[in-house]
Amino acid sequence: MNFKQIEAFRAVMMSRSMTTAAGLLHTSQPNISRWISMLERQVGFQLFQRVGTKLLPTAEAEAFYADVERAFLGLESLDDSANSIRRRGTGLLRIGAVGSIAESILPDALAIFRQTFPDIPVLLNTARSDVVAKWIATGFCDIGFCSVQTELPSLQYAEINVARGVCIVPRSHRLAGRATLEPSDLDGEHFISLPAESANRREIDRHFPTGSRVLAIETPYATTICKMVSKGMGVSIVSPIVSRSLGLADLREIPFSGEVMFRSFAVTSDHFPLNFLASRISDCVREAFDVLNP
């Protein structure tokens, strides 16, 4: 697939019209149609279907569009990076991080960083661990913070924190007074879970081989899980780092008997020497973890 095909797909998704998409991209409607057809052949699934006069995206197109938008956001960040370099020279820090670290640790880490570097511009990009790894491998970011290691060559992973997962329940829940929880204690409970493809989800699921939980809600963001649990929507198992960073009054954290380890890594590339600012934010991230560690 090439950029024109992806650009055409994005324009059609935004406008729901090949004619309007052609106007947005200053080309003809037949070109848009041809690029979409070529893209469908390459991805191996239908992207759009006509219902009357409407052009509707398929479920596969919606899923694909989410990744396309993330890619375009990355391109927009490149514009921001170029503008910052023009304004301030090379004093720029570019960070890539998974959502759990970006939302729970980096605000505190950046507050520490700002005490010494109040005027340094920072670009923070958030994605899955595999995407963060690619950003580091290509030099798009100076340093990354991941929860899973990938097999991309030339990358170095330094473990910066390990936390044992805890059960979280609403403070008014029947289990809230327990000192510890066993997997069987969650039988029949509505469970709010990480996505099925997540490594941390697999670590959790191995403690529930019988499927006795009710998998009610799935979301990639641990902060969202904590907020849903605090509103009485279910229970879950998360890193205590995330739950403690939020400080939710209606959330009760209880040790879990099963071993579920949440790991965090700083990732750098052999091809791009770690600059001073990236090294400093790594230290600040460690300091922020220390504050929240059990």
C-alpha atoms as a PDB file:
ATOM      1  CA  MET A   1       0.000   0.000   0.000  1.00  0.00           C
ATOM      2  CA  ASN A   2       1.150   3.560  -0.637  1.00  0.00           C
ATOM      3  CA  PHE A   3       0.494   6.969   0.831  1.00  0.00           C
ATOM      4  CA  LYS A   4      -2.033   8.003  -1.838  1.00  0.00           C
ATOM      5  CA  GLN A   5      -4.187   4.960  -1.079  1.00  0.00           C
ATOM      6  CA  ILE A   6      -4.091   5.613   2.672  1.00  0.00           C
ATOM      7  CA  GLU A   7      -4.750   9.319   2.171  1.00  0.00           C
ATOM      8  CA  ALA A   8      -7.740   8.510  -0.059  1.00  0.00           C
ATOM      9  CA  PHE A   9      -9.094   6.032   2.485  1.00  0.00           C
ATOM     10  CA  ARG A  10      -8.783   8.574   5.278  1.00  0.00           C
ATOM     11  CA  ALA A  11     -10.519  11.267   3.224  1.00  0.00           C
ATOM     12  CA  VAL A  12     -13.438   8.942   2.410  1.00  0.00           C
ATOM     13  CA  MET A  13     -13.732   7.888   6.062  1.00  0.00           C
ATOM     14  CA  MET A  14     -13.886  11.536   7.098  1.00  0.00           C
ATOM     15  CA  SER A  15     -16.339  12.649   4.408  1.00  0.00           C
ATOM     16  CA  ARG A  16     -18.303   9.421   3.725  1.00  0.00           C
ATOM     17  CA  SER A  17     -18.201  10.429   0.055  1.00  0.00           C
ATOM     18  CA  MET A  18     -15.748   9.657  -2.732  1.00  0.00           C
ATOM     19  CA  THR A  19     -16.726  12.862  -4.520  1.00  0.00           C
ATOM     20  CA  THR A  20     -16.092  15.000  -1.436  1.00  0.00           C
ATOM     21  CA  ALA A  21     -12.854  13.112  -0.752  1.00  0.00           C
ATOM     22  CA  ALA A  22     -11.712  13.897  -4.297  1.00  0.00           C
ATOM     23  CA  GLY A  23     -12.304  17.597  -3.628  1.00  0.00           C
ATOM     24  CA  LEU A  24     -10.372  17.441  -0.356  1.00  0.00           C
ATOM     25  CA  LEU A  25      -7.387  15.862  -2.116  1.00  0.00           C
ATOM     26  CA  HIS A  26      -7.666  17.958  -5.291  1.00  0.00           C
ATOM     27  CA  THR A  27      -8.072  14.950  -7.545  1.00  0.00           C
ATOM     28  CA  SER A  28     -10.858  13.176  -9.440  1.00  0.00           C
ATOM     29  CA  GLN A  29     -13.518  10.832  -8.091  1.00  0.00           C
ATOM     30  CA  PRO A  30     -12.328   7.978 -10.382  1.00  0.00           C
ATOM     31  CA  ASN A  31      -8.844   8.301  -8.855  1.00  0.00           C
ATOM     32  CA  ILE A  32     -10.288   8.000  -5.343  1.00  0.00           C
ATOM     33  CA  SER A  33     -12.322   4.944  -6.378  1.00  0.00           C
ATOM     34  CA  ARG A  34      -9.271   3.340  -7.998  1.00  0.00           C
ATOM     35  CA  TRP A  35      -7.039   3.932  -4.957  1.00  0.00           C
ATOM     36  CA  ILE A  36      -9.677   2.507  -2.615  1.00  0.00           C
ATOM     37  CA  SER A  37     -10.046  -0.596  -4.816  1.00  0.00           C
ATOM     38  CA  MET A  38      -6.284  -1.105  -4.862  1.00  0.00           C
ATOM     39  CA  LEU A  39      -6.144  -0.725  -1.078  1.00  0.00           C
ATOM     40  CA  GLU A  40      -8.945  -3.270  -0.608  1.00  0.00           C
ATOM     41  CA  ARG A  41      -7.020  -5.794  -2.710  1.00  0.00           C
ATOM     42  CA  GLN A  42      -3.903  -5.253  -0.630  1.00  0.00           C
ATOM     43  CA  VAL A  43      -5.522  -5.423   2.814  1.00  0.00           C
ATOM     44  CA  GLY A  44      -7.711  -8.364   1.826  1.00  0.00           C
ATOM     45  CA  PHE A  45     -11.076  -7.101   3.064  1.00  0.00           C
ATOM     46  CA  GLN A  46     -13.880  -4.770   1.948  1.00  0.00           C
ATOM     47  CA  LEU A  47     -13.609  -1.217   3.214  1.00  0.00           C
ATOM     48  CA  PHE A  48     -16.916   0.315   2.138  1.00  0.00           C
ATOM     49  CA  GLN A  49     -20.382  -0.758   1.085  1.00  0.00           C
ATOM     50  CA  ARG A  50     -23.184   1.256  -0.495  1.00  0.00           C
ATOM     51  CA  VAL A  51     -26.564   1.322   1.253  1.00  0.00           C
ATOM     52  CA  GLY A  52     -28.877   3.313  -0.996  1.00  0.00           C
ATOM     53  CA  THR A  53     -27.083   6.580  -1.648  1.00  0.00           C
ATOM     54  CA  LYS A  54     -24.891   6.267   1.426  1.00  0.00           C
ATOM     55  CA  LEU A  55     -21.319   5.016   1.541  1.00  0.00           C
ATOM     56  CA  LEU A  56     -20.810   3.110   4.796  1.00  0.00           C
ATOM     57  CA  PRO A  57     -17.493   1.822   6.166  1.00  0.00           C
ATOM     58  CA  THR A  58     -17.284  -1.832   7.195  1.00  0.00           C
ATOM     59  CA  ALA A  59     -16.309  -2.878  10.715  1.00  0.00           C
ATOM     60  CA  GLU A  60     -12.880  -3.799   9.334  1.00  0.00           C
ATOM     61  CA  ALA A  61     -12.526  -0.307   7.857  1.00  0.00           C
ATOM     62  CA  GLU A  62     -13.338   1.281  11.220  1.00  0.00           C
ATOM     63  CA  ALA A  63     -10.667  -0.824  12.925  1.00  0.00           C
ATOM     64  CA  PHE A  64      -8.117   0.000  10.204  1.00  0.00           C
ATOM     65  CA  TYR A  65      -9.003   3.695  10.380  1.00  0.00           C
ATOM     66  CA  ALA A  66      -8.023   3.849  14.054  1.00  0.00           C
ATOM     67  CA  ASP A  67      -4.428   2.899  13.152  1.00  0.00           C
ATOM     68  CA  VAL A  68      -4.433   5.221  10.138  1.00  0.00           C
ATOM     69  CA  GLU A  69      -5.413   8.152  12.363  1.00  0.00           C
ATOM     70  CA  ARG A  70      -2.607   7.324  14.789  1.00  0.00           C
ATOM     71  CA  ALA A  71      -0.166   7.359  11.879  1.00  0.00           C
ATOM     72  CA  PHE A  72      -1.422  10.761  10.688  1.00  0.00           C
ATOM     73  CA  LEU A  73      -1.167  12.134  14.207  1.00  0.00           C
ATOM     74  CA  GLY A  74       2.466  11.070  14.102  1.00  0.00           C
ATOM     75  CA  LEU A  75       2.935  13.056  10.876  1.00  0.00           C
ATOM     76  CA  GLU A  76       1.356  16.094  12.517  1.00  0.00           C
ATOM     77  CA  SER A  77       3.779  15.663  15.422  1.00  0.00           C
ATOM     78  CA  LEU A  78       6.634  15.852  12.909  1.00  0.00           C
ATOM     79  CA  ASP A  79       5.378  19.291  11.896  1.00  0.00           C
ATOM     80  CA  ASP A  80       5.334  20.311  15.555  1.00  0.00           C
ATOM     81  CA  SER A  81       8.850  18.971  15.973  1.00  0.00           C
ATOM     82  CA  ALA A  82      10.151  20.925  12.970  1.00  0.00           C
ATOM     83  CA  ASN A  83       8.523  24.118  14.222  1.00  0.00           C
ATOM     84  CA  SER A  84      10.026  23.660  17.693  1.00  0.00           C
ATOM     85  CA  ILE A  85      13.506  23.080  16.273  1.00  0.00           C
ATOM     86  CA  ARG A  86      13.200  26.210  14.174  1.00  0.00           C
ATOM     87  CA  ARG A  87      12.181  28.210  17.262  1.00  0.00           C
ATOM     88  CA  ARG A  88      14.568  26.765  19.829  1.00  0.00           C
ATOM     89  CA  GLY A  89      17.281  24.807  18.059  1.00  0.00           C
ATOM     90  CA  THR A  90      17.841  21.206  19.188  1.00  0.00           C
ATOM     91  CA  GLY A  91      16.551  21.711  22.734  1.00  0.00           C
ATOM     92  CA  LEU A  92      13.579  19.410  22.265  1.00  0.00           C
ATOM     93  CA  LEU A  93      12.531  16.226  24.074  1.00  0.00           C
ATOM     94  CA  ARG A  94      10.456  13.668  22.156  1.00  0.00           C
ATOM     95  CA  ILE A  95       8.895  10.898  24.256  1.00  0.00           C
ATOM     96  CA  GLY A  96       6.899   7.837  23.235  1.00  0.00           C
ATOM     97  CA  ALA A  97       4.954   5.959  25.909  1.00  0.00           C
ATOM     98  CA  VAL A  98       2.223   3.412  26.427  1.00  0.00           C
ATOM     99  CA  GLY A  99      -1.015   4.797  27.819  1.00  0.00           C
ATOM    100  CA  SER A 100      -0.614   3.459  31.355  1.00  0.00           C
ATOM    101  CA  ILE A 101       2.756   5.198  31.807  1.00  0.00           C
ATOM    102  CA  ALA A 102       1.718   8.337  29.948  1.00  0.00           C
ATOM    103  CA  GLU A 103      -1.311   8.788  32.175  1.00  0.00           C
ATOM    104  CA  SER A 104      -0.033   7.628  35.555  1.00  0.00           C
ATOM    105  CA  ILE A 105       3.713   8.362  35.682  1.00  0.00           C
ATOM    106  CA  LEU A 106       4.718  10.924  33.079  1.00  0.00           C
ATOM    107  CA  PRO A 107       2.723  13.863  34.514  1.00  0.00           C
ATOM    108  CA  ASP A 108       4.689  13.565  37.753  1.00  0.00           C
ATOM    109  CA  ALA A 109       7.941  12.809  35.937  1.00  0.00           C
ATOM    110  CA  LEU A 110       7.533  15.844  33.706  1.00  0.00           C
ATOM    111  CA  ALA A 111       6.781  18.001  36.737  1.00  0.00           C
ATOM    112  CA  ILE A 112      10.161  16.926  38.158  1.00  0.00           C
ATOM    113  CA  PHE A 113      11.820  17.504  34.769  1.00  0.00           C
ATOM    114  CA  ARG A 114      10.315  21.005  34.524  1.00  0.00           C
ATOM    115  CA  GLN A 115      11.966  22.036  37.795  1.00  0.00           C
ATOM    116  CA  THR A 116      15.325  21.912  36.000  1.00  0.00           C
ATOM    117  CA  PHE A 117      14.248  22.512  32.393  1.00  0.00           C
ATOM    118  CA  PRO A 118      11.226  24.845  32.520  1.00  0.00           C
ATOM    119  CA  ASP A 119      11.571  26.052  28.921  1.00  0.00           C
ATOM    120  CA  ILE A 120      12.386  22.840  27.049  1.00  0.00           C
ATOM    121  CA  PRO A 121       9.532  21.879  24.681  1.00  0.00           C
ATOM    122  CA  VAL A 122       8.314  18.299  25.089  1.00  0.00           C
ATOM    123  CA  LEU A 123       6.438  16.203  22.530  1.00  0.00           C
ATOM    124  CA  LEU A 124       4.643  13.233  24.120  1.00  0.00           C
ATOM    125  CA  ASN A 125       3.241  10.566  21.809  1.00  0.00           C
ATOM    126  CA  THR A 126       1.163   7.657  23.128  1.00  0.00           C
ATOM    127  CA  ALA A 127       0.601   4.233  21.542  1.00  0.00           C
ATOM    128  CA  ARG A 128       0.976   0.500  22.125  1.00  0.00           C
ATOM    129  CA  SER A 129       4.388  -0.888  23.094  1.00  0.00           C
ATOM    130  CA  ASP A 130       5.089  -2.166  19.566  1.00  0.00           C
ATOM    131  CA  VAL A 131       4.381   1.261  18.053  1.00  0.00           C
ATOM    132  CA  VAL A 132       6.519   3.026  20.666  1.00  0.00           C
ATOM    133  CA  ALA A 133       9.347   0.609  19.817  1.00  0.00           C
ATOM    134  CA  LYS A 134       9.081   1.538  16.120  1.00  0.00           C
ATOM    135  CA  TRP A 135       9.213   5.232  17.005  1.00  0.00           C
ATOM    136  CA  ILE A 136      12.491   4.644  18.846  1.00  0.00           C
ATOM    137  CA  ALA A 137      13.928   2.409  16.111  1.00  0.00           C
ATOM    138  CA  THR A 138      13.273   5.085  13.472  1.00  0.00           C
ATOM    139  CA  GLY A 139      14.418   8.023  15.587  1.00  0.00           C
ATOM    140  CA  PHE A 140      10.937   9.589  15.702  1.00  0.00           C
ATOM    141  CA  CYS A 141      11.232   9.721  19.522  1.00  0.00           C
ATOM    142  CA  ASP A 142      14.327  10.150  21.692  1.00  0.00           C
ATOM    143  CA  ILE A 143      13.223   7.689  24.369  1.00  0.00           C
ATOM    144  CA  GLY A 144      10.286   5.368  24.915  1.00  0.00           C
ATOM    145  CA  PHE A 145       8.516   3.825  27.883  1.00  0.00           C
ATOM    146  CA  CYS A 146       6.908   0.441  27.244  1.00  0.00           C
ATOM    147  CA  SER A 147       5.225  -2.360  29.140  1.00  0.00           C
ATOM    148  CA  VAL A 148       6.320  -5.135  26.737  1.00  0.00           C
ATOM    149  CA  GLN A 149       9.602  -5.807  24.950  1.00  0.00           C
ATOM    150  CA  THR A 150       9.564  -6.351  21.191  1.00  0.00           C
ATOM    151  CA  GLU A 151      12.001  -8.193  18.935  1.00  0.00           C
ATOM    152  CA  LEU A 152      12.996  -5.222  16.815  1.00  0.00           C
ATOM    153  CA  PRO A 153      16.776  -5.204  16.313  1.00  0.00           C
ATOM    154  CA  SER A 154      19.051  -2.486  17.700  1.00  0.00           C
ATOM    155  CA  LEU A 155      16.750  -1.637  20.621  1.00  0.00           C
ATOM    156  CA  GLN A 156      17.826  -1.697  24.247  1.00  0.00           C
ATOM    157  CA  TYR A 157      15.318  -2.249  27.071  1.00  0.00           C
ATOM    158  CA  ALA A 158      16.061  -1.233  30.657  1.00  0.00           C
ATOM    159  CA  GLU A 159      13.582  -2.453  33.247  1.00  0.00           C
ATOM    160  CA  ILE A 160      12.641   0.571  35.340  1.00  0.00           C
ATOM    161  CA  ASN A 161       9.836  -0.843  37.456  1.00  0.00           C
ATOM    162  CA  VAL A 162       8.065  -4.083  38.398  1.00  0.00           C
ATOM    163  CA  ALA A 163       4.796  -4.062  40.330  1.00  0.00           C
ATOM    164  CA  ARG A 164       2.626  -6.974  41.403  1.00  0.00           C
ATOM    165  CA  GLY A 165      -0.960  -6.609  40.221  1.00  0.00           C
ATOM    166  CA  VAL A 166      -3.755  -5.936  42.692  1.00  0.00           C
ATOM    167  CA  CYS A 167      -7.501  -6.448  42.610  1.00  0.00           C
ATOM    168  CA  ILE A 168      -9.541  -3.283  42.516  1.00  0.00           C
ATOM    169  CA  VAL A 169     -13.176  -3.164  43.589  1.00  0.00           C
ATOM    170  CA  PRO A 170     -15.631  -0.359  44.405  1.00  0.00           C
ATOM    171  CA  ARG A 171     -15.328   0.756  48.028  1.00  0.00           C
ATOM    172  CA  SER A 172     -18.922  -0.357  48.682  1.00  0.00           C
ATOM    173  CA  HIS A 173     -18.389  -3.808  47.100  1.00  0.00           C
ATOM    174  CA  ARG A 174     -19.019  -7.027  49.042  1.00  0.00           C
ATOM    175  CA  LEU A 175     -15.299  -7.899  48.739  1.00  0.00           C
ATOM    176  CA  ALA A 176     -13.981  -4.490  49.785  1.00  0.00           C
ATOM    177  CA  GLY A 177     -13.293  -5.586  53.372  1.00  0.00           C
ATOM    178  CA  ARG A 178     -11.156  -8.590  52.437  1.00  0.00           C
ATOM    179  CA  ALA A 179      -7.427  -8.610  53.217  1.00  0.00           C
ATOM    180  CA  THR A 180      -6.567 -10.627  50.085  1.00  0.00           C
ATOM    181  CA  LEU A 181      -8.496 -12.083  47.167  1.00  0.00           C
ATOM    182  CA  GLU A 182      -8.269 -15.466  45.459  1.00  0.00           C
ATOM    183  CA  PRO A 183      -9.259 -16.028  41.823  1.00  0.00           C
ATOM    184  CA  SER A 184     -12.340 -17.931  43.016  1.00  0.00           C
ATOM    185  CA  ASP A 185     -13.502 -14.847  44.938  1.00  0.00           C
ATOM    186  CA  LEU A 186     -14.201 -13.186  41.598  1.00  0.00           C
ATOM    187  CA  ASP A 187     -16.555 -15.946  40.376  1.00  0.00           C
ATOM    188  CA  GLY A 188     -19.574 -14.345  38.775  1.00  0.00           C
ATOM    189  CA  GLU A 189     -18.187 -10.821  39.075  1.00  0.00           C
ATOM    190  CA  HIS A 190     -18.346  -8.423  36.142  1.00  0.00           C
ATOM    191  CA  PHE A 191     -14.696  -8.075  35.139  1.00  0.00           C
ATOM    192  CA  ILE A 192     -13.315  -5.054  33.297  1.00  0.00           C
ATOM    193  CA  SER A 193     -10.403  -6.263  31.226  1.00  0.00           C
ATOM    194  CA  LEU A 194      -7.484  -5.219  29.064  1.00  0.00           C
ATOM    195  CA  PRO A 195      -7.673  -6.228  25.354  1.00  0.00           C
ATOM    196  CA  ALA A 196      -7.314  -9.922  24.501  1.00  0.00           C
ATOM    197  CA  GLU A 197      -4.047  -9.347  22.608  1.00  0.00           C
ATOM    198  CA  SER A 198      -2.411  -7.637  25.589  1.00  0.00           C
ATOM    199  CA  ALA A 199       0.462  -9.468  27.296  1.00  0.00           C
ATOM    200  CA  ASN A 200      -0.777  -8.268  30.685  1.00  0.00           C
ATOM    201  CA  ARG A 201      -4.250  -9.602  29.867  1.00  0.00           C
ATOM    202  CA  ARG A 202      -2.751 -13.033  29.192  1.00  0.00           C
ATOM    203  CA  GLU A 203      -0.925 -12.882  32.540  1.00  0.00           C
ATOM    204  CA  ILE A 204      -4.240 -12.203  34.275  1.00  0.00           C
ATOM    205  CA  ASP A 205      -6.305 -14.738  32.331  1.00  0.00           C
ATOM    206  CA  ARG A 206      -4.063 -17.666  33.249  1.00  0.00           C
ATOM    207  CA  HIS A 207      -5.395 -17.418  36.821  1.00  0.00           C
ATOM    208  CA  PHE A 208      -8.970 -17.930  35.595  1.00  0.00           C
ATOM    209  CA  PRO A 209      -8.916 -21.125  33.488  1.00  0.00           C
ATOM    210  CA  THR A 210     -12.580 -21.939  34.112  1.00  0.00           C
ATOM    211  CA  GLY A 211     -13.943 -18.687  32.746  1.00  0.00           C
ATOM    212  CA  SER A 212     -15.854 -18.073  35.950  1.00  0.00           C
ATOM    213  CA  ARG A 213     -15.611 -14.296  35.655  1.00  0.00           C
ATOM    214  CA  VAL A 214     -18.058 -12.328  33.532  1.00  0.00           C
ATOM    215  CA  LEU A 215     -15.924 -10.449  30.979  1.00  0.00           C
ATOM    216  CA  ALA A 216     -18.162  -7.405  30.810  1.00  0.00           C
ATOM    217  CA  ILE A 217     -16.036  -4.561  29.416  1.00  0.00           C
ATOM    218  CA  GLU A 218     -12.736  -4.457  27.521  1.00  0.00           C
ATOM    219  CA  THR A 219     -10.551  -1.350  27.175  1.00  0.00           C
ATOM    220  CA  PRO A 220      -6.841  -0.770  26.463  1.00  0.00           C
ATOM    221  CA  TYR A 221      -6.469   1.876  29.173  1.00  0.00           C
ATOM    222  CA  ALA A 222      -5.838   0.921  32.795  1.00  0.00           C
ATOM    223  CA  THR A 223      -6.859   4.401  33.940  1.00  0.00           C
ATOM    224  CA  THR A 224     -10.244   3.886  32.288  1.00  0.00           C
ATOM    225  CA  ILE A 225     -10.571   0.517  34.037  1.00  0.00           C
ATOM    226  CA  CYS A 226      -9.916   2.142  37.421  1.00  0.00           C
ATOM    227  CA  LYS A 227     -12.486   4.873  36.831  1.00  0.00           C
ATOM    228  CA  MET A 228     -15.113   2.355  35.718  1.00  0.00           C
ATOM    229  CA  VAL A 229     -14.484   0.207  38.782  1.00  0.00           C
ATOM    230  CA  SER A 230     -14.790   3.267  41.037  1.00  0.00           C
ATOM    231  CA  LYS A 231     -18.230   3.877  39.515  1.00  0.00           C
ATOM    232  CA  GLY A 232     -19.386   0.369  40.458  1.00  0.00           C
ATOM    233  CA  MET A 233     -19.270  -1.087  36.943  1.00  0.00           C
ATOM    234  CA  GLY A 234     -17.199  -4.142  37.859  1.00  0.00           C
ATOM    235  CA  VAL A 235     -13.900  -5.347  39.295  1.00  0.00           C
ATOM    236  CA  SER A 236     -10.452  -5.821  37.773  1.00  0.00           C
ATOM    237  CA  ILE A 237      -6.744  -6.501  38.269  1.00  0.00           C
ATOM    238  CA  VAL A 238      -4.348  -3.659  37.486  1.00  0.00           C
ATOM    239  CA  SER A 239      -0.936  -2.334  38.338  1.00  0.00           C
ATOM    240  CA  PRO A 240      -1.038  -0.574  41.718  1.00  0.00           C
ATOM    241  CA  ILE A 241       1.006   2.197  40.119  1.00  0.00           C
ATOM    242  CA  VAL A 242      -1.975   3.160  37.965  1.00  0.00           C
ATOM    243  CA  SER A 243      -4.623   2.884  40.678  1.00  0.00           C
ATOM    244  CA  ARG A 244      -2.547   4.866  43.179  1.00  0.00           C
ATOM    245  CA  SER A 245      -1.720   7.613  40.694  1.00  0.00           C
ATOM    246  CA  LEU A 246      -5.429   8.349  40.267  1.00  0.00           C
ATOM    247  CA  GLY A 247      -6.242   8.562  43.977  1.00  0.00           C
ATOM    248  CA  LEU A 248      -9.900   7.632  43.462  1.00  0.00           C
ATOM    249  CA  ALA A 249     -11.786   7.781  46.756  1.00  0.00           C
ATOM    250  CA  ASP A 250     -14.348   5.156  45.679  1.00  0.00           C
ATOM    251  CA  LEU A 251     -11.713   2.584  44.708  1.00  0.00           C
ATOM    252  CA  ARG A 252     -10.441  -0.165  47.027  1.00  0.00           C
ATOM    253  CA  GLU A 253      -7.125  -1.883  46.257  1.00  0.00           C
ATOM    254  CA  ILE A 254      -6.745  -5.471  47.572  1.00  0.00           C
ATOM    255  CA  PRO A 255      -3.718  -7.804  47.215  1.00  0.00           C
ATOM    256  CA  PHE A 256      -4.308 -10.659  44.760  1.00  0.00           C
ATOM    257  CA  SER A 257      -3.044 -14.158  45.571  1.00  0.00           C
ATOM    258  CA  GLY A 258      -2.108 -14.916  41.955  1.00  0.00           C
ATOM    259  CA  GLU A 259       1.147 -13.524  40.627  1.00  0.00           C
ATOM    260  CA  VAL A 260       0.540 -10.928  37.910  1.00  0.00           C
ATOM    261  CA  MET A 261       3.591  -8.789  37.275  1.00  0.00           C
ATOM    262  CA  PHE A 262       3.361  -5.443  35.495  1.00  0.00           C
ATOM    263  CA  ARG A 263       6.717  -4.412  34.048  1.00  0.00           C
ATOM    264  CA  SER A 264       7.837  -1.072  32.687  1.00  0.00           C
ATOM    265  CA  PHE A 265      10.841  -0.491  30.435  1.00  0.00           C
ATOM    266  CA  ALA A 266      12.772   2.454  29.085  1.00  0.00           C
ATOM    267  CA  VAL A 267      13.618   1.743  25.444  1.00  0.00           C
ATOM    268  CA  THR A 268      16.428   3.327  23.440  1.00  0.00           C
ATOM    269  CA  SER A 269      18.116   2.643  20.110  1.00  0.00           C
ATOM    270  CA  ASP A 270      21.724   1.735  19.349  1.00  0.00           C
ATOM    271  CA  HIS A 271      21.452   3.844  16.184  1.00  0.00           C
ATOM    272  CA  PHE A 272      20.512   7.065  17.974  1.00  0.00           C
ATOM    273  CA  PRO A 273      22.703   8.028  20.953  1.00  0.00           C
ATOM    274  CA  LEU A 274      20.723   8.903  24.071  1.00  0.00           C
ATOM    275  CA  ASN A 275      20.842  12.675  24.475  1.00  0.00           C
ATOM    276  CA  PHE A 276      21.078  14.507  27.774  1.00  0.00           C
ATOM    277  CA  LEU A 277      17.392  15.456  27.949  1.00  0.00           C
ATOM    278  CA  ALA A 278      16.245  11.891  27.273  1.00  0.00           C
ATOM    279  CA  SER A 279      18.597  10.586  29.939  1.00  0.00           C
ATOM    280  CA  ARG A 280      17.222  13.108  32.414  1.00  0.00           C
ATOM    281  CA  ILE A 281      13.564  12.254  31.763  1.00  0.00           C
ATOM    282  CA  SER A 282      14.449   8.586  32.294  1.00  0.00           C
ATOM    283  CA  ASP A 283      15.747   9.506  35.756  1.00  0.00           C
ATOM    284  CA  CYS A 284      12.603  11.522  36.443  1.00  0.00           C
ATOM    285  CA  VAL A 285      10.389   8.584  35.443  1.00  0.00           C
ATOM    286  CA  ARG A 286      12.240   6.362  37.910  1.00  0.00           C
ATOM    287  CA  GLU A 287      11.716   8.980  40.639  1.00  0.00           C
ATOM    288  CA  ALA A 288       7.994   9.119  39.881  1.00  0.00           C
ATOM    289  CA  PHE A 289       7.730   5.331  40.031  1.00  0.00           C
ATOM    290  CA  ASP A 290       9.491   5.300  43.405  1.00  0.00           C
ATOM    291  CA  VAL A 291       6.832   7.582  44.880  1.00  0.00           C
ATOM    292  CA  LEU A 292       3.991   5.266  43.836  1.00  0.00           C
ATOM    293  CA  ASN A 293       5.648   1.882  44.359  1.00  0.00           C
ATOM    294  CA  PRO A 294       3.974  -0.440  46.909  1.00  0.00           C
END
